[in-house]
Structures are given as structure tokens and as C-alpha cells.
Amino acid sequence: MDTGVAIALIIAGITFLWTLYRDKSGDTEELMSRVGDLETKVLIFESTIDRLATEQDEMKKSLKSLEDQIHQLDLKIERILTILEK
């Protein structure tokens, strides 16, 4: 009887360990899939941030150019007003 109980406990233990291993494998596959999705999203976000940074630099240059043009127009208007006042 003691041998039968020992064998039953060994089989139960092996079955328990197999169940744990099998469950962890399924969890690992799901987690790997989720990590892959997150890595893809991070790459997309990084490229979007790079593109936005480039566009921001271009917008700064355009804004500077417009500020210069407005300044030039202000100077011309001042000259015209000075001429008209004479």
C-alpha cells in the first residue's frame, strides 16, 4: 500500500509540474505576442516623433522668414509714411 501511495504521489506531482509548464508556455506565447505589438507601436511612434520634429524645424524656418518679411514691410510702410508726412 505504501508503494502505491508513493507512485500515486509521484504521478500527481509530475502531472502538476506538467500543468504548470504548459500554462506558463501559453502565457509566454501570449506575452511575446503582446511585446511584439508594443515594439511595433514604439517604432511607429518614434518615426512619427522624428517626422514631427523635422516638420517643426521647417515651420520654425518658415516663421522666421515670415517675421523677416513682416519686418521689411514695416520698414517700407514707415518710409512711405515719412514721405507722405513731408
C-alpha atoms as a PDB file:
ATOM      1  CA  MET A   1       0.000   0.000   0.000  1.00  0.00           C
ATOM      2  CA  ASP A   2       2.819   2.396   0.778  1.00  0.00           C
ATOM      3  CA  THR A   3       4.357   1.815  -2.644  1.00  0.00           C
ATOM      4  CA  GLY A   4       1.017   2.517  -4.346  1.00  0.00           C
ATOM      5  CA  VAL A   5       0.636   5.775  -2.453  1.00  0.00           C
ATOM      6  CA  ALA A   6       4.191   6.814  -3.334  1.00  0.00           C
ATOM      7  CA  ILE A   7       3.609   6.043  -7.015  1.00  0.00           C
ATOM      8  CA  ALA A   8       0.304   7.959  -6.948  1.00  0.00           C
ATOM      9  CA  LEU A   9       2.021  10.956  -5.331  1.00  0.00           C
ATOM     10  CA  ILE A  10       4.843  10.855  -7.889  1.00  0.00           C
ATOM     11  CA  ILE A  11       2.343  10.716 -10.773  1.00  0.00           C
ATOM     12  CA  ALA A  12       0.304  13.540  -9.212  1.00  0.00           C
ATOM     13  CA  GLY A  13       3.460  15.623  -8.752  1.00  0.00           C
ATOM     14  CA  ILE A  14       4.600  15.052 -12.334  1.00  0.00           C
ATOM     15  CA  THR A  15       1.122  15.907 -13.605  1.00  0.00           C
ATOM     16  CA  PHE A  16       1.093  19.077 -11.510  1.00  0.00           C
ATOM     17  CA  LEU A  17       4.513  20.152 -12.811  1.00  0.00           C
ATOM     18  CA  TRP A  18       3.446  19.407 -16.404  1.00  0.00           C
ATOM     19  CA  THR A  19       0.313  21.527 -15.916  1.00  0.00           C
ATOM     20  CA  LEU A  20       2.388  24.420 -14.595  1.00  0.00           C
ATOM     21  CA  TYR A  21       4.813  24.150 -17.506  1.00  0.00           C
ATOM     22  CA  ARG A  22       2.010  24.000 -20.073  1.00  0.00           C
ATOM     23  CA  ASP A  23       0.231  27.027 -18.571  1.00  0.00           C
ATOM     24  CA  LYS A  24       3.440  29.048 -18.472  1.00  0.00           C
ATOM     25  CA  SER A  25       4.137  28.205 -22.134  1.00  0.00           C
ATOM     26  CA  GLY A  26       0.743  29.548 -23.169  1.00  0.00           C
ATOM     27  CA  ASP A  27       1.290  32.677 -21.109  1.00  0.00           C
ATOM     28  CA  THR A  28       4.740  33.135 -22.607  1.00  0.00           C
ATOM     29  CA  GLU A  29       3.412  32.970 -26.171  1.00  0.00           C
ATOM     30  CA  GLU A  30       0.699  35.497 -25.379  1.00  0.00           C
ATOM     31  CA  LEU A  31       3.185  37.811 -23.692  1.00  0.00           C
ATOM     32  CA  MET A  32       5.622  37.527 -26.601  1.00  0.00           C
ATOM     33  CA  SER A  33       2.826  38.481 -28.979  1.00  0.00           C
ATOM     34  CA  ARG A  34       1.909  41.483 -26.863  1.00  0.00           C
ATOM     35  CA  VAL A  35       5.554  42.573 -26.578  1.00  0.00           C
ATOM     36  CA  GLY A  36       5.882  42.324 -30.367  1.00  0.00           C
ATOM     37  CA  ASP A  37       2.819  44.530 -30.804  1.00  0.00           C
ATOM     38  CA  LEU A  38       4.218  47.065 -28.345  1.00  0.00           C
ATOM     39  CA  GLU A  39       7.592  47.123 -30.088  1.00  0.00           C
ATOM     40  CA  THR A  40       5.846  47.791 -33.401  1.00  0.00           C
ATOM     41  CA  LYS A  41       3.862  50.640 -31.868  1.00  0.00           C
ATOM     42  CA  VAL A  42       7.021  52.120 -30.328  1.00  0.00           C
ATOM     43  CA  LEU A  43       8.761  52.094 -33.714  1.00  0.00           C
ATOM     44  CA  ILE A  44       5.764  53.798 -35.313  1.00  0.00           C
ATOM     45  CA  PHE A  45       5.687  56.422 -32.564  1.00  0.00           C
ATOM     46  CA  GLU A  46       9.430  57.046 -32.861  1.00  0.00           C
ATOM     47  CA  SER A  47       9.157  57.603 -36.613  1.00  0.00           C
ATOM     48  CA  THR A  48       6.162  59.886 -36.083  1.00  0.00           C
ATOM     49  CA  ILE A  49       8.078  61.901 -33.476  1.00  0.00           C
ATOM     50  CA  ASP A  50      11.063  62.212 -35.825  1.00  0.00           C
ATOM     51  CA  ARG A  51       8.789  63.370 -38.641  1.00  0.00           C
ATOM     52  CA  LEU A  52       7.072  65.897 -36.383  1.00  0.00           C
ATOM     53  CA  ALA A  53      10.431  67.216 -35.180  1.00  0.00           C
ATOM     54  CA  THR A  54      11.538  67.703 -38.778  1.00  0.00           C
ATOM     55  CA  GLU A  55       8.289  69.456 -39.628  1.00  0.00           C
ATOM     56  CA  GLN A  56       8.673  71.669 -36.557  1.00  0.00           C
ATOM     57  CA  ASP A  57      12.151  72.720 -37.696  1.00  0.00           C
ATOM     58  CA  GLU A  58      10.766  73.561 -41.138  1.00  0.00           C
ATOM     59  CA  MET A  59       7.932  75.529 -39.553  1.00  0.00           C
ATOM     60  CA  LYS A  60      10.425  77.483 -37.433  1.00  0.00           C
ATOM     61  CA  LYS A  61      12.380  78.391 -40.557  1.00  0.00           C
ATOM     62  CA  SER A  62       9.174  79.436 -42.327  1.00  0.00           C
ATOM     63  CA  LEU A  63       8.096  81.500 -39.334  1.00  0.00           C
ATOM     64  CA  LYS A  64      11.479  83.231 -39.199  1.00  0.00           C
ATOM     65  CA  SER A  65      11.202  84.013 -42.901  1.00  0.00           C
ATOM     66  CA  LEU A  66       7.717  85.439 -42.423  1.00  0.00           C
ATOM     67  CA  GLU A  67       8.893  87.532 -39.478  1.00  0.00           C
ATOM     68  CA  ASP A  68      11.679  88.943 -41.642  1.00  0.00           C
ATOM     69  CA  GLN A  69       9.222  89.741 -44.421  1.00  0.00           C
ATOM     70  CA  ILE A  70       6.861  91.455 -41.987  1.00  0.00           C
ATOM     71  CA  HIS A  71       9.753  93.469 -40.601  1.00  0.00           C
ATOM     72  CA  GLN A  72      10.717  94.535 -44.129  1.00  0.00           C
ATOM     73  CA  LEU A  73       7.115  95.558 -44.812  1.00  0.00           C
ATOM     74  CA  ASP A  74       7.059  97.572 -41.585  1.00  0.00           C
ATOM     75  CA  LEU A  75      10.189  99.409 -42.664  1.00  0.00           C
ATOM     76  CA  LYS A  76       8.704 100.149 -46.070  1.00  0.00           C
ATOM     77  CA  ILE A  77       5.475 101.401 -44.526  1.00  0.00           C
ATOM     78  CA  GLU A  78       7.447 103.677 -42.204  1.00  0.00           C
ATOM     79  CA  ARG A  79       9.335 105.080 -45.193  1.00  0.00           C
ATOM     80  CA  ILE A  80       6.098 105.665 -47.085  1.00  0.00           C
ATOM     81  CA  LEU A  81       4.549 107.407 -44.051  1.00  0.00           C
ATOM     82  CA  THR A  82       7.642 109.553 -43.668  1.00  0.00           C
ATOM     83  CA  ILE A  83       7.458 110.547 -47.312  1.00  0.00           C
ATOM     84  CA  LEU A  84       3.732 111.308 -47.046  1.00  0.00           C
ATOM     85  CA  GLU A  85       4.236 113.447 -43.957  1.00  0.00           C
ATOM     86  CA  LYS A  86       6.663 115.747 -45.818  1.00  0.00           C
END
